Structures are given as structure tokens and as C-alpha cells.
Amino acid sequence: TQTILLIASHLAPEKRRGEIIGKVMSGLLLGIL
């Protein structure tokens, strides 16, 4: 799972990295919940 997040961090431009990681993390956290 962390490698999938790693790809997301590489894809994301610096100015939107937090936003894009947050969106992917929403999926991860929804899976947990």
C-alpha cells in the first residue's frame, strides 16, 4: 500500500502534493474505516 502512496507522491507537483496525497489518503482511510 505504501508503494502506491509513493507513486502518488512522485506524480504530484510540489504545490499540490498535500492535496493529492490527501485525496489518496481518503481512499486509504475509507478502506480502514
Full PDB file with SEQRES, HELIX, SHEET, SSBOND, CRYST1, ORIGX, SCALE, CONECT and MASTER records, all heavy atoms in Angstrom:
SEQRES   1 A   33  THR GLN THR ILE LEU LEU ILE ALA SER HIS LEU ALA PRO          
SEQRES   2 A   33  GLU LYS ARG ARG GLY GLU ILE ILE GLY LYS VAL MET SER          
SEQRES   3 A   33  GLY LEU LEU LEU GLY ILE LEU                                  
HELIX    1 AA1 GLN A    2  LEU A   11  1                                  10    
HELIX    2 AA2 GLU A   14  ARG A   16  5                                   3    
HELIX    3 AA3 ARG A   17  ILE A   32  1                                  16    
CRYST1    1.000    1.000    1.000  90.00  90.00  90.00 P 1           1          
ORIGX1      1.000000  0.000000  0.000000        0.00000                         
ORIGX2      0.000000  1.000000  0.000000        0.00000                         
ORIGX3      0.000000  0.000000  1.000000        0.00000                         
SCALE1      1.000000  0.000000  0.000000        0.00000                         
SCALE2      0.000000  1.000000  0.000000        0.00000                         
SCALE3      0.000000  0.000000  1.000000        0.00000                         
ATOM      1  N   THR A   1       0.835  -1.210   0.000  1.00  0.00           N  
ATOM      2  CA  THR A   1       0.000   0.000   0.000  1.00  0.00           C  
ATOM      3  C   THR A   1       0.863   1.251   0.000  1.00  0.00           C  
ATOM      4  O   THR A   1       0.550   2.252  -0.665  1.00  0.00           O  
ATOM      5  CB  THR A   1      -0.904   0.013   1.257  1.00  0.00           C  
ATOM      6  OG1 THR A   1      -1.675  -1.181   1.301  1.00  0.00           O  
ATOM      7  CG2 THR A   1      -1.835   1.210   1.240  1.00  0.00           C  
ATOM      8  N   GLN A   2       1.962   1.200   0.721  1.00  0.00           N  
ATOM      9  CA  GLN A   2       2.832   2.367   0.825  1.00  0.00           C  
ATOM     10  C   GLN A   2       3.549   2.666  -0.485  1.00  0.00           C  
ATOM     11  O   GLN A   2       3.899   3.817  -0.754  1.00  0.00           O  
ATOM     12  CB  GLN A   2       3.827   2.171   1.966  1.00  0.00           C  
ATOM     13  CG  GLN A   2       3.171   2.023   3.328  1.00  0.00           C  
ATOM     14  CD  GLN A   2       2.253   3.182   3.647  1.00  0.00           C  
ATOM     15  OE1 GLN A   2       2.595   4.342   3.412  1.00  0.00           O  
ATOM     16  NE2 GLN A   2       1.076   2.881   4.187  1.00  0.00           N  
ATOM     17  N   THR A   3       3.771   1.657  -1.304  1.00  0.00           N  
ATOM     18  CA  THR A   3       4.376   1.904  -2.618  1.00  0.00           C  
ATOM     19  C   THR A   3       3.375   2.605  -3.533  1.00  0.00           C  
ATOM     20  O   THR A   3       3.760   3.441  -4.365  1.00  0.00           O  
ATOM     21  CB  THR A   3       4.846   0.579  -3.252  1.00  0.00           C  
ATOM     22  OG1 THR A   3       5.701  -0.116  -2.337  1.00  0.00           O  
ATOM     23  CG2 THR A   3       5.611   0.834  -4.539  1.00  0.00           C  
ATOM     24  N   ILE A   4       2.091   2.289  -3.382  1.00  0.00           N  
ATOM     25  CA  ILE A   4       1.066   3.005  -4.151  1.00  0.00           C  
ATOM     26  C   ILE A   4       1.059   4.475  -3.742  1.00  0.00           C  
ATOM     27  O   ILE A   4       0.990   5.374  -4.588  1.00  0.00           O  
ATOM     28  CB  ILE A   4      -0.315   2.364  -3.925  1.00  0.00           C  
ATOM     29  CG1 ILE A   4      -0.310   0.890  -4.355  1.00  0.00           C  
ATOM     30  CG2 ILE A   4      -1.388   3.133  -4.706  1.00  0.00           C  
ATOM     31  CD1 ILE A   4      -1.605   0.149  -4.066  1.00  0.00           C  
ATOM     32  N   LEU A   5       1.151   4.740  -2.448  1.00  0.00           N  
ATOM     33  CA  LEU A   5       1.230   6.123  -1.975  1.00  0.00           C  
ATOM     34  C   LEU A   5       2.498   6.803  -2.479  1.00  0.00           C  
ATOM     35  O   LEU A   5       2.501   7.999  -2.792  1.00  0.00           O  
ATOM     36  CB  LEU A   5       1.201   6.158  -0.442  1.00  0.00           C  
ATOM     37  CG  LEU A   5      -0.165   5.990   0.213  1.00  0.00           C  
ATOM     38  CD1 LEU A   5       0.000   5.813   1.723  1.00  0.00           C  
ATOM     39  CD2 LEU A   5      -1.063   7.175  -0.084  1.00  0.00           C  
ATOM     40  N   LEU A   6       3.562   6.029  -2.565  1.00  0.00           N  
ATOM     41  CA  LEU A   6       4.833   6.569  -3.049  1.00  0.00           C  
ATOM     42  C   LEU A   6       4.692   7.052  -4.492  1.00  0.00           C  
ATOM     43  O   LEU A   6       5.179   8.123  -4.858  1.00  0.00           O  
ATOM     44  CB  LEU A   6       5.919   5.497  -2.946  1.00  0.00           C  
ATOM     45  CG  LEU A   6       7.351   5.913  -3.271  1.00  0.00           C  
ATOM     46  CD1 LEU A   6       7.852   6.918  -2.250  1.00  0.00           C  
ATOM     47  CD2 LEU A   6       8.254   4.685  -3.296  1.00  0.00           C  
ATOM     48  N   ILE A   7       4.013   6.271  -5.328  1.00  0.00           N  
ATOM     49  CA  ILE A   7       3.781   6.681  -6.708  1.00  0.00           C  
ATOM     50  C   ILE A   7       2.964   7.982  -6.745  1.00  0.00           C  
ATOM     51  O   ILE A   7       3.233   8.885  -7.534  1.00  0.00           O  
ATOM     52  CB  ILE A   7       3.066   5.562  -7.495  1.00  0.00           C  
ATOM     53  CG1 ILE A   7       4.071   4.476  -7.878  1.00  0.00           C  
ATOM     54  CG2 ILE A   7       2.383   6.096  -8.739  1.00  0.00           C  
ATOM     55  CD1 ILE A   7       3.537   3.390  -8.769  1.00  0.00           C  
ATOM     56  N   ALA A   8       1.971   8.076  -5.857  1.00  0.00           N  
ATOM     57  CA  ALA A   8       1.158   9.298  -5.800  1.00  0.00           C  
ATOM     58  C   ALA A   8       2.020  10.506  -5.465  1.00  0.00           C  
ATOM     59  O   ALA A   8       1.856  11.585  -6.040  1.00  0.00           O  
ATOM     60  CB  ALA A   8       0.039   9.140  -4.776  1.00  0.00           C  
ATOM     61  N   SER A   9       2.968  10.340  -4.543  1.00  0.00           N  
ATOM     62  CA  SER A   9       3.824  11.473  -4.154  1.00  0.00           C  
ATOM     63  C   SER A   9       4.746  11.894  -5.296  1.00  0.00           C  
ATOM     64  O   SER A   9       5.068  13.070  -5.443  1.00  0.00           O  
ATOM     65  CB  SER A   9       4.647  11.099  -2.914  1.00  0.00           C  
ATOM     66  OG  SER A   9       5.709  10.216  -3.233  1.00  0.00           O  
ATOM     67  N   HIS A  10       5.177  10.937  -6.120  1.00  0.00           N  
ATOM     68  CA  HIS A  10       6.034  11.264  -7.265  1.00  0.00           C  
ATOM     69  C   HIS A  10       5.234  11.912  -8.403  1.00  0.00           C  
ATOM     70  O   HIS A  10       5.747  12.768  -9.120  1.00  0.00           O  
ATOM     71  CB  HIS A  10       6.742  10.007  -7.769  1.00  0.00           C  
ATOM     72  CG  HIS A  10       7.900   9.596  -6.931  1.00  0.00           C  
ATOM     73  ND1 HIS A  10       9.121  10.226  -6.963  1.00  0.00           N  
ATOM     74  CD2 HIS A  10       8.032   8.611  -6.007  1.00  0.00           C  
ATOM     75  CE1 HIS A  10       9.955   9.655  -6.108  1.00  0.00           C  
ATOM     76  NE2 HIS A  10       9.313   8.670  -5.524  1.00  0.00           N  
ATOM     77  N   LEU A  11       3.998  11.480  -8.554  1.00  0.00           N  
ATOM     78  CA  LEU A  11       3.153  12.065  -9.587  1.00  0.00           C  
ATOM     79  C   LEU A  11       2.787  13.511  -9.277  1.00  0.00           C  
ATOM     80  O   LEU A  11       2.656  14.330 -10.171  1.00  0.00           O  
ATOM     81  CB  LEU A  11       1.855  11.250  -9.721  1.00  0.00           C  
ATOM     82  CG  LEU A  11       1.921   9.919 -10.468  1.00  0.00           C  
ATOM     83  CD1 LEU A  11       0.645   9.140 -10.244  1.00  0.00           C  
ATOM     84  CD2 LEU A  11       2.130  10.155 -11.961  1.00  0.00           C  
ATOM     85  N   ALA A  12       2.603  13.812  -7.996  1.00  0.00           N  
ATOM     86  CA  ALA A  12       2.042  15.107  -7.602  1.00  0.00           C  
ATOM     87  C   ALA A  12       3.066  16.230  -7.742  1.00  0.00           C  
ATOM     88  O   ALA A  12       4.194  16.102  -7.282  1.00  0.00           O  
ATOM     89  CB  ALA A  12       1.558  15.032  -6.157  1.00  0.00           C  
ATOM     90  N   PRO A  13       2.675  17.360  -8.358  1.00  0.00           N  
ATOM     91  CA  PRO A  13       3.544  18.537  -8.345  1.00  0.00           C  
ATOM     92  C   PRO A  13       3.638  19.084  -6.924  1.00  0.00           C  
ATOM     93  O   PRO A  13       2.717  18.917  -6.121  1.00  0.00           O  
ATOM     94  CB  PRO A  13       2.820  19.514  -9.285  1.00  0.00           C  
ATOM     95  CG  PRO A  13       1.393  19.073  -9.278  1.00  0.00           C  
ATOM     96  CD  PRO A  13       1.416  17.594  -9.077  1.00  0.00           C  
ATOM     97  N   GLU A  14       4.742  19.746  -6.622  1.00  0.00           N  
ATOM     98  CA  GLU A  14       5.008  20.217  -5.257  1.00  0.00           C  
ATOM     99  C   GLU A  14       3.862  21.056  -4.696  1.00  0.00           C  
ATOM    100  O   GLU A  14       3.444  20.879  -3.559  1.00  0.00           O  
ATOM    101  CB  GLU A  14       6.304  21.039  -5.252  1.00  0.00           C  
ATOM    102  CG  GLU A  14       6.611  21.742  -3.935  1.00  0.00           C  
ATOM    103  CD  GLU A  14       6.829  20.789  -2.784  1.00  0.00           C  
ATOM    104  OE1 GLU A  14       7.229  19.636  -3.018  1.00  0.00           O  
ATOM    105  OE2 GLU A  14       6.588  21.212  -1.632  1.00  0.00           O  
ATOM    106  N   LYS A  15       3.323  21.966  -5.493  1.00  0.00           N  
ATOM    107  CA  LYS A  15       2.316  22.894  -4.971  1.00  0.00           C  
ATOM    108  C   LYS A  15       0.982  22.213  -4.676  1.00  0.00           C  
ATOM    109  O   LYS A  15       0.132  22.782  -3.971  1.00  0.00           O  
ATOM    110  CB  LYS A  15       2.096  24.045  -5.957  1.00  0.00           C  
ATOM    111  CG  LYS A  15       1.533  23.610  -7.305  1.00  0.00           C  
ATOM    112  CD  LYS A  15       1.383  24.811  -8.241  1.00  0.00           C  
ATOM    113  CE  LYS A  15       0.815  24.383  -9.603  1.00  0.00           C  
ATOM    114  NZ  LYS A  15       0.676  25.528 -10.522  1.00  0.00           N  
ATOM    115  N   ARG A  16       0.778  20.982  -5.204  1.00  0.00           N  
ATOM    116  CA  ARG A  16      -0.480  20.262  -4.953  1.00  0.00           C  
ATOM    117  C   ARG A  16      -0.251  18.927  -4.260  1.00  0.00           C  
ATOM    118  O   ARG A  16      -1.175  18.124  -4.140  1.00  0.00           O  
ATOM    119  CB  ARG A  16      -1.213  20.014  -6.275  1.00  0.00           C  
ATOM    120  CG  ARG A  16      -1.755  21.267  -6.960  1.00  0.00           C  
ATOM    121  CD  ARG A  16      -2.624  20.880  -8.140  1.00  0.00           C  
ATOM    122  NE  ARG A  16      -3.762  20.077  -7.723  1.00  0.00           N  
ATOM    123  CZ  ARG A  16      -4.271  19.067  -8.448  1.00  0.00           C  
ATOM    124  NH1 ARG A  16      -3.720  18.716  -9.593  1.00  0.00           N  
ATOM    125  NH2 ARG A  16      -5.315  18.397  -8.014  1.00  0.00           N  
ATOM    126  N   ARG A  17       0.957  18.708  -3.763  1.00  0.00           N  
ATOM    127  CA  ARG A  17       1.279  17.390  -3.209  1.00  0.00           C  
ATOM    128  C   ARG A  17       0.401  17.049  -2.006  1.00  0.00           C  
ATOM    129  O   ARG A  17      -0.108  15.931  -1.880  1.00  0.00           O  
ATOM    130  CB  ARG A  17       2.760  17.320  -2.841  1.00  0.00           C  
ATOM    131  CG  ARG A  17       3.188  15.937  -2.343  1.00  0.00           C  
ATOM    132  CD  ARG A  17       4.687  15.794  -2.343  1.00  0.00           C  
ATOM    133  NE  ARG A  17       5.188  15.766  -3.708  1.00  0.00           N  
ATOM    134  CZ  ARG A  17       6.360  16.275  -4.074  1.00  0.00           C  
ATOM    135  NH1 ARG A  17       7.131  16.870  -3.186  1.00  0.00           N  
ATOM    136  NH2 ARG A  17       6.749  16.210  -5.324  1.00  0.00           N  
ATOM    137  N   GLY A  18       0.226  18.009  -1.105  1.00  0.00           N  
ATOM    138  CA  GLY A  18      -0.603  17.742   0.063  1.00  0.00           C  
ATOM    139  C   GLY A  18      -2.035  17.415  -0.320  1.00  0.00           C  
ATOM    140  O   GLY A  18      -2.663  16.502   0.231  1.00  0.00           O  
ATOM    141  N   GLU A  19      -2.582  18.153  -1.287  1.00  0.00           N  
ATOM    142  CA  GLU A  19      -3.957  17.928  -1.736  1.00  0.00           C  
ATOM    143  C   GLU A  19      -4.116  16.544  -2.351  1.00  0.00           C  
ATOM    144  O   GLU A  19      -5.064  15.810  -2.032  1.00  0.00           O  
ATOM    145  CB  GLU A  19      -4.335  18.998  -2.758  1.00  0.00           C  
ATOM    146  CG  GLU A  19      -5.722  18.818  -3.351  1.00  0.00           C  
ATOM    147  CD  GLU A  19      -5.976  19.735  -4.536  1.00  0.00           C  
ATOM    148  OE1 GLU A  19      -5.152  20.646  -4.773  1.00  0.00           O  
ATOM    149  OE2 GLU A  19      -6.990  19.529  -5.221  1.00  0.00           O  
ATOM    150  N   ILE A  20      -3.187  16.167  -3.241  1.00  0.00           N  
ATOM    151  CA  ILE A  20      -3.305  14.875  -3.925  1.00  0.00           C  
ATOM    152  C   ILE A  20      -3.075  13.727  -2.954  1.00  0.00           C  
ATOM    153  O   ILE A  20      -3.805  12.718  -2.970  1.00  0.00           O  
ATOM    154  CB  ILE A  20      -2.320  14.814  -5.114  1.00  0.00           C  
ATOM    155  CG1 ILE A  20      -2.802  15.772  -6.209  1.00  0.00           C  
ATOM    156  CG2 ILE A  20      -2.210  13.395  -5.665  1.00  0.00           C  
ATOM    157  CD1 ILE A  20      -1.849  15.927  -7.367  1.00  0.00           C  
ATOM    158  N   ILE A  21      -2.089  13.861  -2.082  1.00  0.00           N  
ATOM    159  CA  ILE A  21      -1.866  12.825  -1.069  1.00  0.00           C  
ATOM    160  C   ILE A  21      -3.099  12.706  -0.174  1.00  0.00           C  
ATOM    161  O   ILE A  21      -3.518  11.608   0.196  1.00  0.00           O  
ATOM    162  CB  ILE A  21      -0.607  13.137  -0.238  1.00  0.00           C  
ATOM    163  CG1 ILE A  21       0.640  12.963  -1.097  1.00  0.00           C  
ATOM    164  CG2 ILE A  21      -0.529  12.219   0.994  1.00  0.00           C  
ATOM    165  CD1 ILE A  21       1.915  13.418  -0.416  1.00  0.00           C  
ATOM    166  N   GLY A  22      -3.712  13.865   0.156  1.00  0.00           N  
ATOM    167  CA  GLY A  22      -4.923  13.845   0.969  1.00  0.00           C  
ATOM    168  C   GLY A  22      -6.050  13.081   0.298  1.00  0.00           C  
ATOM    169  O   GLY A  22      -6.782  12.333   0.954  1.00  0.00           O  
ATOM    170  N   LYS A  23      -6.194  13.240  -1.017  1.00  0.00           N  
ATOM    171  CA  LYS A  23      -7.252  12.525  -1.743  1.00  0.00           C  
ATOM    172  C   LYS A  23      -6.984  11.020  -1.770  1.00  0.00           C  
ATOM    173  O   LYS A  23      -7.905  10.211  -1.580  1.00  0.00           O  
ATOM    174  CB  LYS A  23      -7.359  13.068  -3.170  1.00  0.00           C  
ATOM    175  CG  LYS A  23      -7.955  14.474  -3.228  1.00  0.00           C  
ATOM    176  CD  LYS A  23      -8.020  14.995  -4.660  1.00  0.00           C  
ATOM    177  CE  LYS A  23      -8.655  16.386  -4.703  1.00  0.00           C  
ATOM    178  NZ  LYS A  23      -8.693  16.930  -6.086  1.00  0.00           N  
ATOM    179  N   VAL A  24      -5.735  10.633  -2.006  1.00  0.00           N  
ATOM    180  CA  VAL A  24      -5.409   9.204  -1.998  1.00  0.00           C  
ATOM    181  C   VAL A  24      -5.570   8.651  -0.587  1.00  0.00           C  
ATOM    182  O   VAL A  24      -6.076   7.536  -0.388  1.00  0.00           O  
ATOM    183  CB  VAL A  24      -3.977   8.968  -2.530  1.00  0.00           C  
ATOM    184  CG1 VAL A  24      -3.610   7.496  -2.441  1.00  0.00           C  
ATOM    185  CG2 VAL A  24      -3.866   9.446  -3.975  1.00  0.00           C  
ATOM    186  N   MET A  25      -5.172   9.451   0.403  1.00  0.00           N  
ATOM    187  CA  MET A  25      -5.322   9.024   1.784  1.00  0.00           C  
ATOM    188  C   MET A  25      -6.791   8.882   2.167  1.00  0.00           C  
ATOM    189  O   MET A  25      -7.137   8.068   3.041  1.00  0.00           O  
ATOM    190  CB  MET A  25      -4.645  10.021   2.724  1.00  0.00           C  
ATOM    191  CG  MET A  25      -3.131   9.929   2.744  1.00  0.00           C  
ATOM    192  SD  MET A  25      -2.549   8.302   3.284  1.00  0.00           S  
ATOM    193  CE  MET A  25      -3.261   8.210   4.921  1.00  0.00           C  
ATOM    194  N   SER A  26      -7.674   9.657   1.538  1.00  0.00           N  
ATOM    195  CA  SER A  26      -9.106   9.496   1.802  1.00  0.00           C  
ATOM    196  C   SER A  26      -9.547   8.082   1.447  1.00  0.00           C  
ATOM    197  O   SER A  26     -10.333   7.458   2.167  1.00  0.00           O  
ATOM    198  CB  SER A  26      -9.921  10.509   0.991  1.00  0.00           C  
ATOM    199  OG  SER A  26      -9.708  11.815   1.460  1.00  0.00           O  
ATOM    200  N   GLY A  27      -9.037   7.575   0.312  1.00  0.00           N  
ATOM    201  CA  GLY A  27      -9.345   6.204  -0.076  1.00  0.00           C  
ATOM    202  C   GLY A  27      -8.780   5.206   0.914  1.00  0.00           C  
ATOM    203  O   GLY A  27      -9.458   4.247   1.320  1.00  0.00           O  
ATOM    204  N   LEU A  28      -7.543   5.423   1.324  1.00  0.00           N  
ATOM    205  CA  LEU A  28      -6.915   4.528   2.292  1.00  0.00           C  
ATOM    206  C   LEU A  28      -7.676   4.536   3.609  1.00  0.00           C  
ATOM    207  O   LEU A  28      -7.993   3.481   4.175  1.00  0.00           O  
ATOM    208  CB  LEU A  28      -5.460   4.950   2.512  1.00  0.00           C  
ATOM    209  CG  LEU A  28      -4.624   4.073   3.443  1.00  0.00           C  
ATOM    210  CD1 LEU A  28      -3.172   4.013   2.965  1.00  0.00           C  
ATOM    211  CD2 LEU A  28      -4.634   4.633   4.868  1.00  0.00           C  
ATOM    212  N   LEU A  29      -7.994   5.730   4.101  1.00  0.00           N  
ATOM    213  CA  LEU A  29      -8.678   5.839   5.388  1.00  0.00           C  
ATOM    214  C   LEU A  29     -10.106   5.315   5.310  1.00  0.00           C  
ATOM    215  O   LEU A  29     -10.611   4.720   6.267  1.00  0.00           O  
ATOM    216  CB  LEU A  29      -8.648   7.288   5.863  1.00  0.00           C  
ATOM    217  CG  LEU A  29      -7.246   7.794   6.204  1.00  0.00           C  
ATOM    218  CD1 LEU A  29      -7.245   9.315   6.324  1.00  0.00           C  
ATOM    219  CD2 LEU A  29      -6.746   7.176   7.492  1.00  0.00           C  
ATOM    220  N   LEU A  30     -10.765   5.521   4.160  1.00  0.00           N  
ATOM    221  CA  LEU A  30     -12.101   4.966   3.993  1.00  0.00           C  
ATOM    222  C   LEU A  30     -12.043   3.437   4.006  1.00  0.00           C  
ATOM    223  O   LEU A  30     -12.926   2.776   4.571  1.00  0.00           O  
ATOM    224  CB  LEU A  30     -12.710   5.459   2.675  1.00  0.00           C  
ATOM    225  CG  LEU A  30     -14.208   5.182   2.479  1.00  0.00           C  
ATOM    226  CD1 LEU A  30     -15.024   5.857   3.568  1.00  0.00           C  
ATOM    227  CD2 LEU A  30     -14.663   5.666   1.107  1.00  0.00           C  
ATOM    228  N   GLY A  31     -10.983   2.874   3.418  1.00  0.00           N  
ATOM    229  CA  GLY A  31     -10.797   1.421   3.470  1.00  0.00           C  
ATOM    230  C   GLY A  31     -10.648   0.935   4.902  1.00  0.00           C  
ATOM    231  O   GLY A  31     -11.225  -0.090   5.289  1.00  0.00           O  
ATOM    232  N   ILE A  32      -9.883   1.680   5.707  1.00  0.00           N  
ATOM    233  CA  ILE A  32      -9.706   1.305   7.114  1.00  0.00           C  
ATOM    234  C   ILE A  32     -11.031   1.390   7.861  1.00  0.00           C  
ATOM    235  O   ILE A  32     -11.417   0.477   8.597  1.00  0.00           O  
ATOM    236  CB  ILE A  32      -8.655   2.214   7.786  1.00  0.00           C  
ATOM    237  CG1 ILE A  32      -7.264   1.972   7.173  1.00  0.00           C  
ATOM    238  CG2 ILE A  32      -8.608   1.969   9.290  1.00  0.00           C  
ATOM    239  CD1 ILE A  32      -6.205   2.935   7.675  1.00  0.00           C  
ATOM    240  N   LEU A  33     -11.754   2.497   7.660  1.00  0.00           N  
ATOM    241  CA  LEU A  33     -12.982   2.737   8.415  1.00  0.00           C  
ATOM    242  C   LEU A  33     -14.101   1.769   8.022  1.00  0.00           C  
ATOM    243  O   LEU A  33     -14.860   1.300   8.876  1.00  0.00           O  
ATOM    244  CB  LEU A  33     -13.437   4.174   8.195  1.00  0.00           C  
ATOM    245  CG  LEU A  33     -12.512   5.250   8.756  1.00  0.00           C  
ATOM    246  CD1 LEU A  33     -12.984   6.634   8.335  1.00  0.00           C  
ATOM    247  CD2 LEU A  33     -12.443   5.160  10.278  1.00  0.00           C  
TER     248      LEU A  33                                                      
MASTER        0    0    0    3    0    0    0    6  247    1    0    3          
END                                                                             
